[in-house]
């Protein structure tokens, strides 16, 4: 389910800095435990520090399966699939309710740039399941846009309702972040406070690593695309924060005689051309960061920086292509607080 289709620049966890057991261990009675697996079309990693291994992989997979039953587009009987097949709506569970409510909030904040109803437009341009043979006509784009927009969605008590039977939702741009948050809550409910959760490149870190420092998270930057051999060009020091990334590098489709970005503006129905390669967002929770990094890909460089600066505890880092074809980057002051310099 919920593969975030526009992720390209994934975030790596620096294993060496996570603090495997060694002589300078600041938790002499504790060890680092690691759980890995596959979920939502990608992989996940959970690292936690405790006196014993109290988390079973089976219990993690049960939680992931429960989320899939709500949000997976790849399961025909999932709640989101039932909504998309329905003429009017469905009774929502807590997973669907939380994700949709947050999506609608960030849709408004980003002026419609993040929109969970926009999948038909992406499919029109061949950025999902379908593969168009030509550029969609203006009329076809216009007709498709009639089914798109948060104004088609509403709540009646605990039921999610749509006013257009053909309107469908796709939570891929937020569901992985939400899942990271739910895994983090699962660990906290086990009284684990020092941990790191990663799913598909979306990360949340809590407390300290085994050597008593903040967790160190590596992200790709412009050096990678400028021919430099460095795979990780920036490092973040994070504790009780989330970081997520969306990107479009090499994600293009050739239609006619030009290449089109796979990031489509849900307001216009057209691929964006704002020179952004990737957006990395730091926030208090992964669901918020996940949705904003998608919205910022559409909103553009200056507007994204301006909006991020208006939101409390939101950091943004943008990698973009300059007019001469070279790569550059920019970030706000809040993001820079977390940069780790060795």
C-alpha atoms as a PDB file:
ATOM      1  CA  UNK A   1       0.000   0.000   0.000  1.00  0.00           C
ATOM      2  CA  UNK A   2       0.931   3.556   0.553  1.00  0.00           C
ATOM      3  CA  UNK A   3       4.180   3.736  -1.263  1.00  0.00           C
ATOM      4  CA  UNK A   4       4.872   7.439  -1.450  1.00  0.00           C
ATOM      5  CA  UNK A   5       5.137   7.536  -5.194  1.00  0.00           C
ATOM      6  CA  UNK A   6       7.130  10.730  -5.393  1.00  0.00           C
ATOM      7  CA  UNK A   7       9.966   9.723  -3.073  1.00  0.00           C
ATOM      8  CA  UNK A   8      13.319   9.508  -4.771  1.00  0.00           C
ATOM      9  CA  UNK A   9      15.872  10.967  -2.393  1.00  0.00           C
ATOM     10  CA  UNK A  10      15.525   8.509   0.430  1.00  0.00           C
ATOM     11  CA  UNK A  11      16.852   9.141   3.922  1.00  0.00           C
ATOM     12  CA  UNK A  12      19.420   6.807   5.399  1.00  0.00           C
ATOM     13  CA  UNK A  13      20.024   6.002   9.012  1.00  0.00           C
ATOM     14  CA  UNK A  14      23.704   6.059   9.911  1.00  0.00           C
ATOM     15  CA  UNK A  15      24.187   2.668  11.497  1.00  0.00           C
ATOM     16  CA  UNK A  16      27.595   3.507  12.894  1.00  0.00           C
ATOM     17  CA  UNK A  17      26.279   6.521  14.794  1.00  0.00           C
ATOM     18  CA  UNK A  18      23.382   4.624  16.284  1.00  0.00           C
ATOM     19  CA  UNK A  19      25.715   3.106  18.821  1.00  0.00           C
ATOM     20  CA  UNK A  20      26.063  -0.639  18.787  1.00  0.00           C
ATOM     21  CA  UNK A  21      27.251  -2.021  22.137  1.00  0.00           C
ATOM     22  CA  UNK A  22      30.820  -0.955  22.837  1.00  0.00           C
ATOM     23  CA  UNK A  23      33.024   0.338  25.634  1.00  0.00           C
ATOM     24  CA  UNK A  24      31.741   3.917  25.721  1.00  0.00           C
ATOM     25  CA  UNK A  25      28.160   2.790  26.098  1.00  0.00           C
ATOM     26  CA  UNK A  26      26.341   5.362  28.226  1.00  0.00           C
ATOM     27  CA  UNK A  27      23.704   2.744  29.032  1.00  0.00           C
ATOM     28  CA  UNK A  28      25.854  -0.037  30.567  1.00  0.00           C
ATOM     29  CA  UNK A  29      22.821  -2.186  31.332  1.00  0.00           C
ATOM     30  CA  UNK A  30      21.114  -1.638  27.966  1.00  0.00           C
ATOM     31  CA  UNK A  31      21.635  -2.811  24.411  1.00  0.00           C
ATOM     32  CA  UNK A  32      20.563  -1.756  20.946  1.00  0.00           C
ATOM     33  CA  UNK A  33      17.948  -3.988  19.331  1.00  0.00           C
ATOM     34  CA  UNK A  34      17.063  -3.849  15.642  1.00  0.00           C
ATOM     35  CA  UNK A  35      13.954  -5.107  13.863  1.00  0.00           C
ATOM     36  CA  UNK A  36      13.698  -5.000  10.075  1.00  0.00           C
ATOM     37  CA  UNK A  37      11.069  -6.099   7.605  1.00  0.00           C
ATOM     38  CA  UNK A  38       8.993  -5.246   4.575  1.00  0.00           C
ATOM     39  CA  UNK A  39       5.774  -3.275   4.503  1.00  0.00           C
ATOM     40  CA  UNK A  40       3.823  -0.970   2.214  1.00  0.00           C
ATOM     41  CA  UNK A  41       5.941  -1.830  -0.793  1.00  0.00           C
ATOM     42  CA  UNK A  42       9.166  -0.847   0.951  1.00  0.00           C
ATOM     43  CA  UNK A  43      11.263  -1.738   3.999  1.00  0.00           C
ATOM     44  CA  UNK A  44      11.204  -0.664   7.615  1.00  0.00           C
ATOM     45  CA  UNK A  45      13.799  -0.507  10.386  1.00  0.00           C
ATOM     46  CA  UNK A  46      13.162  -0.122  14.096  1.00  0.00           C
ATOM     47  CA  UNK A  47      16.050   0.457  16.501  1.00  0.00           C
ATOM     48  CA  UNK A  48      15.429   0.676  20.204  1.00  0.00           C
ATOM     49  CA  UNK A  49      17.493   0.689  23.357  1.00  0.00           C
ATOM     50  CA  UNK A  50      16.389  -1.393  26.315  1.00  0.00           C
ATOM     51  CA  UNK A  51      17.559  -3.834  28.936  1.00  0.00           C
ATOM     52  CA  UNK A  52      16.050  -6.705  26.945  1.00  0.00           C
ATOM     53  CA  UNK A  53      14.425  -7.482  23.603  1.00  0.00           C
ATOM     54  CA  UNK A  54      10.776  -6.904  24.452  1.00  0.00           C
ATOM     55  CA  UNK A  55       9.439  -6.156  20.958  1.00  0.00           C
ATOM     56  CA  UNK A  56       8.539  -9.058  18.700  1.00  0.00           C
ATOM     57  CA  UNK A  57       8.573  -8.586  14.939  1.00  0.00           C
ATOM     58  CA  UNK A  58       5.236 -10.377  14.791  1.00  0.00           C
ATOM     59  CA  UNK A  59       3.573  -7.672  16.880  1.00  0.00           C
ATOM     60  CA  UNK A  60       5.005  -4.972  14.617  1.00  0.00           C
ATOM     61  CA  UNK A  61       3.697  -6.751  11.526  1.00  0.00           C
ATOM     62  CA  UNK A  62       0.240  -7.032  13.085  1.00  0.00           C
ATOM     63  CA  UNK A  63       0.140  -3.260  13.526  1.00  0.00           C
ATOM     64  CA  UNK A  64       1.324  -2.717   9.960  1.00  0.00           C
ATOM     65  CA  UNK A  65      -1.336  -5.103   8.679  1.00  0.00           C
ATOM     66  CA  UNK A  66      -4.001  -3.247  10.639  1.00  0.00           C
ATOM     67  CA  UNK A  67      -2.969   0.031   8.996  1.00  0.00           C
ATOM     68  CA  UNK A  68      -3.021  -1.653   5.577  1.00  0.00           C
ATOM     69  CA  UNK A  69      -6.587  -2.804   6.185  1.00  0.00           C
ATOM     70  CA  UNK A  70      -7.490   0.855   6.452  1.00  0.00           C
ATOM     71  CA  UNK A  71      -5.212   2.738   4.046  1.00  0.00           C
ATOM     72  CA  UNK A  72      -3.887   0.314   1.427  1.00  0.00           C
ATOM     73  CA  UNK A  73      -4.953   0.918  -2.156  1.00  0.00           C
ATOM     74  CA  UNK A  74      -3.523  -2.494  -3.031  1.00  0.00           C
ATOM     75  CA  UNK A  75      -6.092  -4.316  -0.931  1.00  0.00           C
ATOM     76  CA  UNK A  76      -9.488  -4.366  -2.583  1.00  0.00           C
ATOM     77  CA  UNK A  77     -11.268  -4.791   0.753  1.00  0.00           C
ATOM     78  CA  UNK A  78      -9.399  -2.038   2.614  1.00  0.00           C
ATOM     79  CA  UNK A  79     -11.403   0.846   3.978  1.00  0.00           C
ATOM     80  CA  UNK A  80      -9.909   3.339   1.528  1.00  0.00           C
ATOM     81  CA  UNK A  81     -10.707   0.998  -1.381  1.00  0.00           C
ATOM     82  CA  UNK A  82     -14.275   0.687  -0.122  1.00  0.00           C
ATOM     83  CA  UNK A  83     -14.559   4.472  -0.054  1.00  0.00           C
ATOM     84  CA  UNK A  84     -13.232   4.776  -3.596  1.00  0.00           C
ATOM     85  CA  UNK A  85     -15.707   2.171  -4.835  1.00  0.00           C
ATOM     86  CA  UNK A  86     -18.651   3.676  -2.956  1.00  0.00           C
ATOM     87  CA  UNK A  87     -21.072   6.196  -4.396  1.00  0.00           C
ATOM     88  CA  UNK A  88     -21.218   8.267  -1.228  1.00  0.00           C
ATOM     89  CA  UNK A  89     -18.853   7.224   1.538  1.00  0.00           C
ATOM     90  CA  UNK A  90     -17.893   4.893   4.383  1.00  0.00           C
ATOM     91  CA  UNK A  91     -17.715   4.832   8.155  1.00  0.00           C
ATOM     92  CA  UNK A  92     -14.116   5.668   8.969  1.00  0.00           C
ATOM     93  CA  UNK A  93     -11.849   3.930  11.461  1.00  0.00           C
ATOM     94  CA  UNK A  94      -9.288   5.867  13.507  1.00  0.00           C
ATOM     95  CA  UNK A  95      -6.510   5.397  10.928  1.00  0.00           C
ATOM     96  CA  UNK A  96      -8.533   6.777   8.025  1.00  0.00           C
ATOM     97  CA  UNK A  97     -10.013   9.529  10.159  1.00  0.00           C
ATOM     98  CA  UNK A  98      -6.651  10.788  11.420  1.00  0.00           C
ATOM     99  CA  UNK A  99      -4.999  10.700   8.017  1.00  0.00           C
ATOM    100  CA  UNK A 100      -7.849  12.387   6.149  1.00  0.00           C
ATOM    101  CA  UNK A 101      -8.336  15.090   8.780  1.00  0.00           C
ATOM    102  CA  UNK A 102      -4.642  15.971   8.680  1.00  0.00           C
ATOM    103  CA  UNK A 103      -4.658  15.828   4.879  1.00  0.00           C
ATOM    104  CA  UNK A 104      -7.520  18.303   4.658  1.00  0.00           C
ATOM    105  CA  UNK A 105      -5.802  20.636   7.090  1.00  0.00           C
ATOM    106  CA  UNK A 106      -2.541  20.636   5.122  1.00  0.00           C
ATOM    107  CA  UNK A 107      -4.472  20.914   1.863  1.00  0.00           C
ATOM    108  CA  UNK A 108      -5.822  24.232   3.121  1.00  0.00           C
ATOM    109  CA  UNK A 109      -2.458  25.387   4.466  1.00  0.00           C
ATOM    110  CA  UNK A 110      -0.650  24.636   1.179  1.00  0.00           C
ATOM    111  CA  UNK A 111      -3.361  26.339  -0.897  1.00  0.00           C
ATOM    112  CA  UNK A 112      -4.437  23.023  -2.394  1.00  0.00           C
ATOM    113  CA  UNK A 113      -0.933  21.843  -3.340  1.00  0.00           C
ATOM    114  CA  UNK A 114      -1.268  18.717  -1.181  1.00  0.00           C
ATOM    115  CA  UNK A 115      -4.455  16.925  -2.192  1.00  0.00           C
ATOM    116  CA  UNK A 116      -5.367  13.297  -1.512  1.00  0.00           C
ATOM    117  CA  UNK A 117      -8.034  13.403  -4.251  1.00  0.00           C
ATOM    118  CA  UNK A 118      -5.518  14.117  -7.030  1.00  0.00           C
ATOM    119  CA  UNK A 119      -4.599  10.586  -8.123  1.00  0.00           C
ATOM    120  CA  UNK A 120      -6.813  10.687 -11.277  1.00  0.00           C
ATOM    121  CA  UNK A 121      -4.748  13.623 -12.518  1.00  0.00           C
ATOM    122  CA  UNK A 122      -1.459  11.798 -11.901  1.00  0.00           C
ATOM    123  CA  UNK A 123      -2.801   8.737 -13.687  1.00  0.00           C
ATOM    124  CA  UNK A 124      -3.857  10.940 -16.610  1.00  0.00           C
ATOM    125  CA  UNK A 125      -0.215  11.845 -17.109  1.00  0.00           C
ATOM    126  CA  UNK A 126       0.974   8.284 -16.556  1.00  0.00           C
ATOM    127  CA  UNK A 127       2.394   8.740 -13.069  1.00  0.00           C
ATOM    128  CA  UNK A 128       0.756   5.789 -11.369  1.00  0.00           C
ATOM    129  CA  UNK A 129      -0.869   2.812 -13.003  1.00  0.00           C
ATOM    130  CA  UNK A 130      -1.745   4.101 -16.465  1.00  0.00           C
ATOM    131  CA  UNK A 131       0.604   4.908 -19.336  1.00  0.00           C
ATOM    132  CA  UNK A 132      -0.737   7.575 -21.715  1.00  0.00           C
ATOM    133  CA  UNK A 133       0.346   7.520 -25.320  1.00  0.00           C
ATOM    134  CA  UNK A 134       0.069  11.269 -25.752  1.00  0.00           C
ATOM    135  CA  UNK A 135      -0.301  14.519 -23.872  1.00  0.00           C
ATOM    136  CA  UNK A 136      -3.804  14.714 -22.349  1.00  0.00           C
ATOM    137  CA  UNK A 137      -6.038  17.264 -24.053  1.00  0.00           C
ATOM    138  CA  UNK A 138      -7.119  20.385 -22.203  1.00  0.00           C
ATOM    139  CA  UNK A 139     -10.685  19.105 -22.221  1.00  0.00           C
ATOM    140  CA  UNK A 140      -9.660  15.790 -20.689  1.00  0.00           C
ATOM    141  CA  UNK A 141      -7.621  17.541 -17.995  1.00  0.00           C
ATOM    142  CA  UNK A 142     -10.581  19.821 -17.258  1.00  0.00           C
ATOM    143  CA  UNK A 143     -13.027  16.921 -17.032  1.00  0.00           C
ATOM    144  CA  UNK A 144     -10.709  15.003 -14.727  1.00  0.00           C
ATOM    145  CA  UNK A 145     -10.256  18.016 -12.479  1.00  0.00           C
ATOM    146  CA  UNK A 146     -14.012  18.014 -11.838  1.00  0.00           C
ATOM    147  CA  UNK A 147     -13.482  14.980  -9.591  1.00  0.00           C
ATOM    148  CA  UNK A 148     -10.496  16.509  -7.770  1.00  0.00           C
ATOM    149  CA  UNK A 149     -10.479  18.770  -4.740  1.00  0.00           C
ATOM    150  CA  UNK A 150     -10.923  18.632  -0.986  1.00  0.00           C
ATOM    151  CA  UNK A 151     -14.278  20.390  -1.332  1.00  0.00           C
ATOM    152  CA  UNK A 152     -15.684  17.054  -2.509  1.00  0.00           C
ATOM    153  CA  UNK A 153     -14.995  15.528   0.942  1.00  0.00           C
ATOM    154  CA  UNK A 154     -16.873  16.096   4.179  1.00  0.00           C
ATOM    155  CA  UNK A 155     -17.561  14.439   7.509  1.00  0.00           C
ATOM    156  CA  UNK A 156     -20.894  13.296   8.875  1.00  0.00           C
ATOM    157  CA  UNK A 157     -20.155  12.192  12.429  1.00  0.00           C
ATOM    158  CA  UNK A 158     -17.600   9.399  11.884  1.00  0.00           C
ATOM    159  CA  UNK A 159     -18.382   8.832   8.200  1.00  0.00           C
ATOM    160  CA  UNK A 160     -16.284  10.205   5.343  1.00  0.00           C
ATOM    161  CA  UNK A 161     -18.606  11.460   2.619  1.00  0.00           C
ATOM    162  CA  UNK A 162     -18.026  12.557  -0.990  1.00  0.00           C
ATOM    163  CA  UNK A 163     -20.400  14.636  -3.091  1.00  0.00           C
ATOM    164  CA  UNK A 164     -19.113  13.184  -6.372  1.00  0.00           C
ATOM    165  CA  UNK A 165     -19.315   9.385  -6.832  1.00  0.00           C
ATOM    166  CA  UNK A 166     -16.205   9.432  -9.049  1.00  0.00           C
ATOM    167  CA  UNK A 167     -14.008  11.178  -6.469  1.00  0.00           C
ATOM    168  CA  UNK A 168     -11.328   8.908  -5.059  1.00  0.00           C
ATOM    169  CA  UNK A 169      -8.669   9.385  -2.398  1.00  0.00           C
ATOM    170  CA  UNK A 170      -5.056   8.253  -2.314  1.00  0.00           C
ATOM    171  CA  UNK A 171      -3.141   8.707   0.944  1.00  0.00           C
ATOM    172  CA  UNK A 172       0.243   7.566  -0.362  1.00  0.00           C
ATOM    173  CA  UNK A 173       1.680  11.018   0.255  1.00  0.00           C
ATOM    174  CA  UNK A 174       0.991  10.877   3.995  1.00  0.00           C
ATOM    175  CA  UNK A 175       0.348   7.262   5.016  1.00  0.00           C
ATOM    176  CA  UNK A 176       3.980   6.227   5.437  1.00  0.00           C
ATOM    177  CA  UNK A 177       4.607   9.146   7.742  1.00  0.00           C
ATOM    178  CA  UNK A 178       1.483   8.229   9.671  1.00  0.00           C
ATOM    179  CA  UNK A 179       2.687   4.643   9.940  1.00  0.00           C
ATOM    180  CA  UNK A 180       6.027   5.810  11.350  1.00  0.00           C
ATOM    181  CA  UNK A 181       4.120   7.777  13.988  1.00  0.00           C
ATOM    182  CA  UNK A 182       2.004   4.750  14.881  1.00  0.00           C
ATOM    183  CA  UNK A 183       5.080   2.548  15.232  1.00  0.00           C
ATOM    184  CA  UNK A 184       6.630   5.217  17.445  1.00  0.00           C
ATOM    185  CA  UNK A 185       3.502   5.294  19.609  1.00  0.00           C
ATOM    186  CA  UNK A 186       3.633   1.507  19.820  1.00  0.00           C
ATOM    187  CA  UNK A 187       7.170   1.709  21.222  1.00  0.00           C
ATOM    188  CA  UNK A 188       6.280   4.461  23.685  1.00  0.00           C
ATOM    189  CA  UNK A 189       3.391   2.340  24.958  1.00  0.00           C
ATOM    190  CA  UNK A 190       6.013  -0.308  25.757  1.00  0.00           C
ATOM    191  CA  UNK A 191       7.851   2.309  27.879  1.00  0.00           C
ATOM    192  CA  UNK A 192      10.640   2.579  25.333  1.00  0.00           C
ATOM    193  CA  UNK A 193      11.856   6.166  25.028  1.00  0.00           C
ATOM    194  CA  UNK A 194      15.124   5.792  23.098  1.00  0.00           C
ATOM    195  CA  UNK A 195      14.398   4.584  19.587  1.00  0.00           C
ATOM    196  CA  UNK A 196      14.432   5.313  15.868  1.00  0.00           C
ATOM    197  CA  UNK A 197      11.760   4.236  13.379  1.00  0.00           C
ATOM    198  CA  UNK A 198      12.237   4.339   9.609  1.00  0.00           C
ATOM    199  CA  UNK A 199       9.783   3.279   6.895  1.00  0.00           C
ATOM    200  CA  UNK A 200      10.465   3.960   3.237  1.00  0.00           C
ATOM    201  CA  UNK A 201      12.862   6.768   4.126  1.00  0.00           C
ATOM    202  CA  UNK A 202      10.479   8.463   6.571  1.00  0.00           C
ATOM    203  CA  UNK A 203      12.106   8.751   9.999  1.00  0.00           C
ATOM    204  CA  UNK A 204      11.189   9.519  13.584  1.00  0.00           C
ATOM    205  CA  UNK A 205      13.786   9.468  16.341  1.00  0.00           C
ATOM    206  CA  UNK A 206      13.174   9.633  20.070  1.00  0.00           C
ATOM    207  CA  UNK A 207      15.502  10.176  23.001  1.00  0.00           C
ATOM    208  CA  UNK A 208      19.156   9.249  22.581  1.00  0.00           C
ATOM    209  CA  UNK A 209      21.196   6.599  20.837  1.00  0.00           C
ATOM    210  CA  UNK A 210      23.272   4.045  22.707  1.00  0.00           C
ATOM    211  CA  UNK A 211      26.163   6.441  23.318  1.00  0.00           C
ATOM    212  CA  UNK A 212      23.860   9.077  24.784  1.00  0.00           C
ATOM    213  CA  UNK A 213      23.724  11.417  21.782  1.00  0.00           C
ATOM    214  CA  UNK A 214      20.906  12.510  19.517  1.00  0.00           C
ATOM    215  CA  UNK A 215      20.287  10.169  16.604  1.00  0.00           C
ATOM    216  CA  UNK A 216      22.219  11.105  13.457  1.00  0.00           C
ATOM    217  CA  UNK A 217      20.229  10.975  10.210  1.00  0.00           C
ATOM    218  CA  UNK A 218      21.905  11.307   6.799  1.00  0.00           C
ATOM    219  CA  UNK A 219      20.243  12.862   3.758  1.00  0.00           C
ATOM    220  CA  UNK A 220      21.361  13.191   0.163  1.00  0.00           C
ATOM    221  CA  UNK A 221      22.180  16.629  -1.178  1.00  0.00           C
ATOM    222  CA  UNK A 222      23.345  18.485  -4.270  1.00  0.00           C
ATOM    223  CA  UNK A 223      26.868  17.011  -4.169  1.00  0.00           C
ATOM    224  CA  UNK A 224      25.498  13.640  -5.260  1.00  0.00           C
ATOM    225  CA  UNK A 225      24.090  15.118  -8.478  1.00  0.00           C
ATOM    226  CA  UNK A 226      27.095  17.304  -9.149  1.00  0.00           C
ATOM    227  CA  UNK A 227      29.300  14.268  -9.664  1.00  0.00           C
ATOM    228  CA  UNK A 228      30.717  14.137  -6.170  1.00  0.00           C
ATOM    229  CA  UNK A 229      31.282  10.689  -4.723  1.00  0.00           C
ATOM    230  CA  UNK A 230      29.703  11.540  -1.387  1.00  0.00           C
ATOM    231  CA  UNK A 231      26.493   9.593  -0.966  1.00  0.00           C
ATOM    232  CA  UNK A 232      25.408  11.400   2.195  1.00  0.00           C
ATOM    233  CA  UNK A 233      26.130  15.092   2.021  1.00  0.00           C
ATOM    234  CA  UNK A 234      24.252  16.369   5.062  1.00  0.00           C
ATOM    235  CA  UNK A 235      23.687  14.983   8.520  1.00  0.00           C
ATOM    236  CA  UNK A 236      20.979  15.912  10.981  1.00  0.00           C
ATOM    237  CA  UNK A 237      21.049  15.519  14.735  1.00  0.00           C
ATOM    238  CA  UNK A 238      17.486  14.660  15.772  1.00  0.00           C
ATOM    239  CA  UNK A 239      15.698  13.752  18.984  1.00  0.00           C
ATOM    240  CA  UNK A 240      11.914  13.619  19.318  1.00  0.00           C
ATOM    241  CA  UNK A 241      11.572  14.844  15.750  1.00  0.00           C
ATOM    242  CA  UNK A 242      10.689  13.450  12.328  1.00  0.00           C
ATOM    243  CA  UNK A 243      12.302  13.984   8.943  1.00  0.00           C
ATOM    244  CA  UNK A 244      10.910  12.983   5.538  1.00  0.00           C
ATOM    245  CA  UNK A 245      11.864  13.589   1.903  1.00  0.00           C
ATOM    246  CA  UNK A 246      10.092  13.765  -1.449  1.00  0.00           C
ATOM    247  CA  UNK A 247      11.909  14.118  -4.741  1.00  0.00           C
ATOM    248  CA  UNK A 248      11.556  14.047  -8.507  1.00  0.00           C
ATOM    249  CA  UNK A 249      15.092  13.528  -9.793  1.00  0.00           C
ATOM    250  CA  UNK A 250      14.992  11.265 -12.873  1.00  0.00           C
ATOM    251  CA  UNK A 251      11.244  10.844 -12.377  1.00  0.00           C
ATOM    252  CA  UNK A 252      10.040  12.126 -15.721  1.00  0.00           C
ATOM    253  CA  UNK A 253       7.897  10.841 -18.579  1.00  0.00           C
ATOM    254  CA  UNK A 254       8.455  11.747 -22.208  1.00  0.00           C
ATOM    255  CA  UNK A 255       5.291  12.771 -24.013  1.00  0.00           C
ATOM    256  CA  UNK A 256       5.591  14.322 -27.431  1.00  0.00           C
ATOM    257  CA  UNK A 257       8.957  16.035 -27.728  1.00  0.00           C
ATOM    258  CA  UNK A 258       9.466  17.079 -24.103  1.00  0.00           C
ATOM    259  CA  UNK A 259       9.919  15.577 -20.666  1.00  0.00           C
ATOM    260  CA  UNK A 260       7.297  16.133 -17.989  1.00  0.00           C
ATOM    261  CA  UNK A 261       7.823  16.091 -14.236  1.00  0.00           C
ATOM    262  CA  UNK A 262       5.938  13.338 -12.407  1.00  0.00           C
ATOM    263  CA  UNK A 263       4.797  15.918  -9.829  1.00  0.00           C
ATOM    264  CA  UNK A 264       1.400  17.190 -10.919  1.00  0.00           C
ATOM    265  CA  UNK A 265      -0.263  20.320  -9.577  1.00  0.00           C
ATOM    266  CA  UNK A 266      -3.719  19.213  -8.371  1.00  0.00           C
ATOM    267  CA  UNK A 267      -5.026  22.743  -8.880  1.00  0.00           C
ATOM    268  CA  UNK A 268      -4.217  22.961 -12.586  1.00  0.00           C
ATOM    269  CA  UNK A 269      -3.918  19.327 -13.593  1.00  0.00           C
ATOM    270  CA  UNK A 270      -0.525  20.040 -15.176  1.00  0.00           C
ATOM    271  CA  UNK A 271       2.970  18.788 -14.250  1.00  0.00           C
ATOM    272  CA  UNK A 272       4.936  21.361 -12.290  1.00  0.00           C
ATOM    273  CA  UNK A 273       8.010  23.098 -13.668  1.00  0.00           C
ATOM    274  CA  UNK A 274       9.498  24.790 -10.604  1.00  0.00           C
ATOM    275  CA  UNK A 275      13.025  23.285 -10.782  1.00  0.00           C
ATOM    276  CA  UNK A 276      12.682  21.528  -7.411  1.00  0.00           C
ATOM    277  CA  UNK A 277      14.507  18.200  -7.248  1.00  0.00           C
ATOM    278  CA  UNK A 278      13.656  17.261  -3.672  1.00  0.00           C
ATOM    279  CA  UNK A 279      12.207  18.633  -0.468  1.00  0.00           C
ATOM    280  CA  UNK A 280      13.173  17.449   3.016  1.00  0.00           C
ATOM    281  CA  UNK A 281      11.009  18.470   5.963  1.00  0.00           C
ATOM    282  CA  UNK A 282      11.630  18.295   9.708  1.00  0.00           C
ATOM    283  CA  UNK A 283       8.581  18.334  11.969  1.00  0.00           C
ATOM    284  CA  UNK A 284       7.340  17.145  15.343  1.00  0.00           C
ATOM    285  CA  UNK A 285       5.681  14.121  13.734  1.00  0.00           C
ATOM    286  CA  UNK A 286       6.268  12.153  10.541  1.00  0.00           C
ATOM    287  CA  UNK A 287       2.712  12.461   9.224  1.00  0.00           C
ATOM    288  CA  UNK A 288       2.962  16.248   9.151  1.00  0.00           C
ATOM    289  CA  UNK A 289       6.430  16.207   7.595  1.00  0.00           C
ATOM    290  CA  UNK A 290       5.334  13.652   4.999  1.00  0.00           C
ATOM    291  CA  UNK A 291       2.356  15.680   3.811  1.00  0.00           C
ATOM    292  CA  UNK A 292       4.251  18.966   3.713  1.00  0.00           C
ATOM    293  CA  UNK A 293       7.192  17.613   1.722  1.00  0.00           C
ATOM    294  CA  UNK A 294       4.697  16.565  -0.955  1.00  0.00           C
ATOM    295  CA  UNK A 295       2.872  19.883  -0.887  1.00  0.00           C
ATOM    296  CA  UNK A 296       6.104  21.872  -1.060  1.00  0.00           C
ATOM    297  CA  UNK A 297       7.140  19.969  -4.207  1.00  0.00           C
ATOM    298  CA  UNK A 298       4.169  21.659  -5.909  1.00  0.00           C
ATOM    299  CA  UNK A 299       4.148  25.000  -4.101  1.00  0.00           C
ATOM    300  CA  UNK A 300       7.570  26.093  -5.317  1.00  0.00           C
ATOM    301  CA  UNK A 301      10.768  27.330  -3.695  1.00  0.00           C
ATOM    302  CA  UNK A 302       9.940  30.815  -2.437  1.00  0.00           C
ATOM    303  CA  UNK A 303       6.367  30.066  -1.407  1.00  0.00           C
ATOM    304  CA  UNK A 304       7.446  26.903   0.411  1.00  0.00           C
ATOM    305  CA  UNK A 305      10.141  28.708   2.366  1.00  0.00           C
ATOM    306  CA  UNK A 306       7.702  31.466   3.264  1.00  0.00           C
ATOM    307  CA  UNK A 307       5.038  29.021   4.436  1.00  0.00           C
ATOM    308  CA  UNK A 308       7.494  26.887   6.411  1.00  0.00           C
ATOM    309  CA  UNK A 309       8.652  29.977   8.270  1.00  0.00           C
ATOM    310  CA  UNK A 310       5.069  30.684   9.314  1.00  0.00           C
ATOM    311  CA  UNK A 311       4.575  27.239  10.839  1.00  0.00           C
ATOM    312  CA  UNK A 312       5.986  26.454  14.263  1.00  0.00           C
ATOM    313  CA  UNK A 313       8.643  23.722  14.450  1.00  0.00           C
ATOM    314  CA  UNK A 314       8.837  23.121  10.697  1.00  0.00           C
ATOM    315  CA  UNK A 315      12.175  22.890   8.924  1.00  0.00           C
ATOM    316  CA  UNK A 316      12.609  22.755   5.167  1.00  0.00           C
ATOM    317  CA  UNK A 317      15.536  21.916   2.887  1.00  0.00           C
ATOM    318  CA  UNK A 318      15.113  22.244  -0.889  1.00  0.00           C
ATOM    319  CA  UNK A 319      17.408  20.852  -3.557  1.00  0.00           C
ATOM    320  CA  UNK A 320      16.827  22.512  -6.936  1.00  0.00           C
ATOM    321  CA  UNK A 321      18.253  23.039 -10.417  1.00  0.00           C
ATOM    322  CA  UNK A 322      19.540  26.491 -11.321  1.00  0.00           C
ATOM    323  CA  UNK A 323      19.008  28.052 -14.781  1.00  0.00           C
ATOM    324  CA  UNK A 324      22.512  26.992 -15.851  1.00  0.00           C
ATOM    325  CA  UNK A 325      21.679  23.342 -15.063  1.00  0.00           C
ATOM    326  CA  UNK A 326      23.769  23.086 -11.915  1.00  0.00           C
ATOM    327  CA  UNK A 327      22.366  22.020  -8.554  1.00  0.00           C
ATOM    328  CA  UNK A 328      21.950  24.187  -5.511  1.00  0.00           C
ATOM    329  CA  UNK A 329      20.045  24.075  -2.251  1.00  0.00           C
ATOM    330  CA  UNK A 330      18.387  26.286   0.314  1.00  0.00           C
ATOM    331  CA  UNK A 331      16.831  25.849   3.735  1.00  0.00           C
ATOM    332  CA  UNK A 332      15.213  27.846   6.494  1.00  0.00           C
ATOM    333  CA  UNK A 333      16.791  28.746   9.825  1.00  0.00           C
ATOM    334  CA  UNK A 334      14.832  26.089  11.722  1.00  0.00           C
ATOM    335  CA  UNK A 335      16.226  23.316   9.519  1.00  0.00           C
ATOM    336  CA  UNK A 336      19.764  24.595  10.011  1.00  0.00           C
ATOM    337  CA  UNK A 337      19.428  24.148  13.780  1.00  0.00           C
ATOM    338  CA  UNK A 338      19.598  20.390  13.275  1.00  0.00           C
ATOM    339  CA  UNK A 339      22.601  20.222  10.948  1.00  0.00           C
ATOM    340  CA  UNK A 340      25.390  18.093  12.390  1.00  0.00           C
ATOM    341  CA  UNK A 341      28.943  19.196  11.668  1.00  0.00           C
ATOM    342  CA  UNK A 342      31.768  16.853  12.579  1.00  0.00           C
END
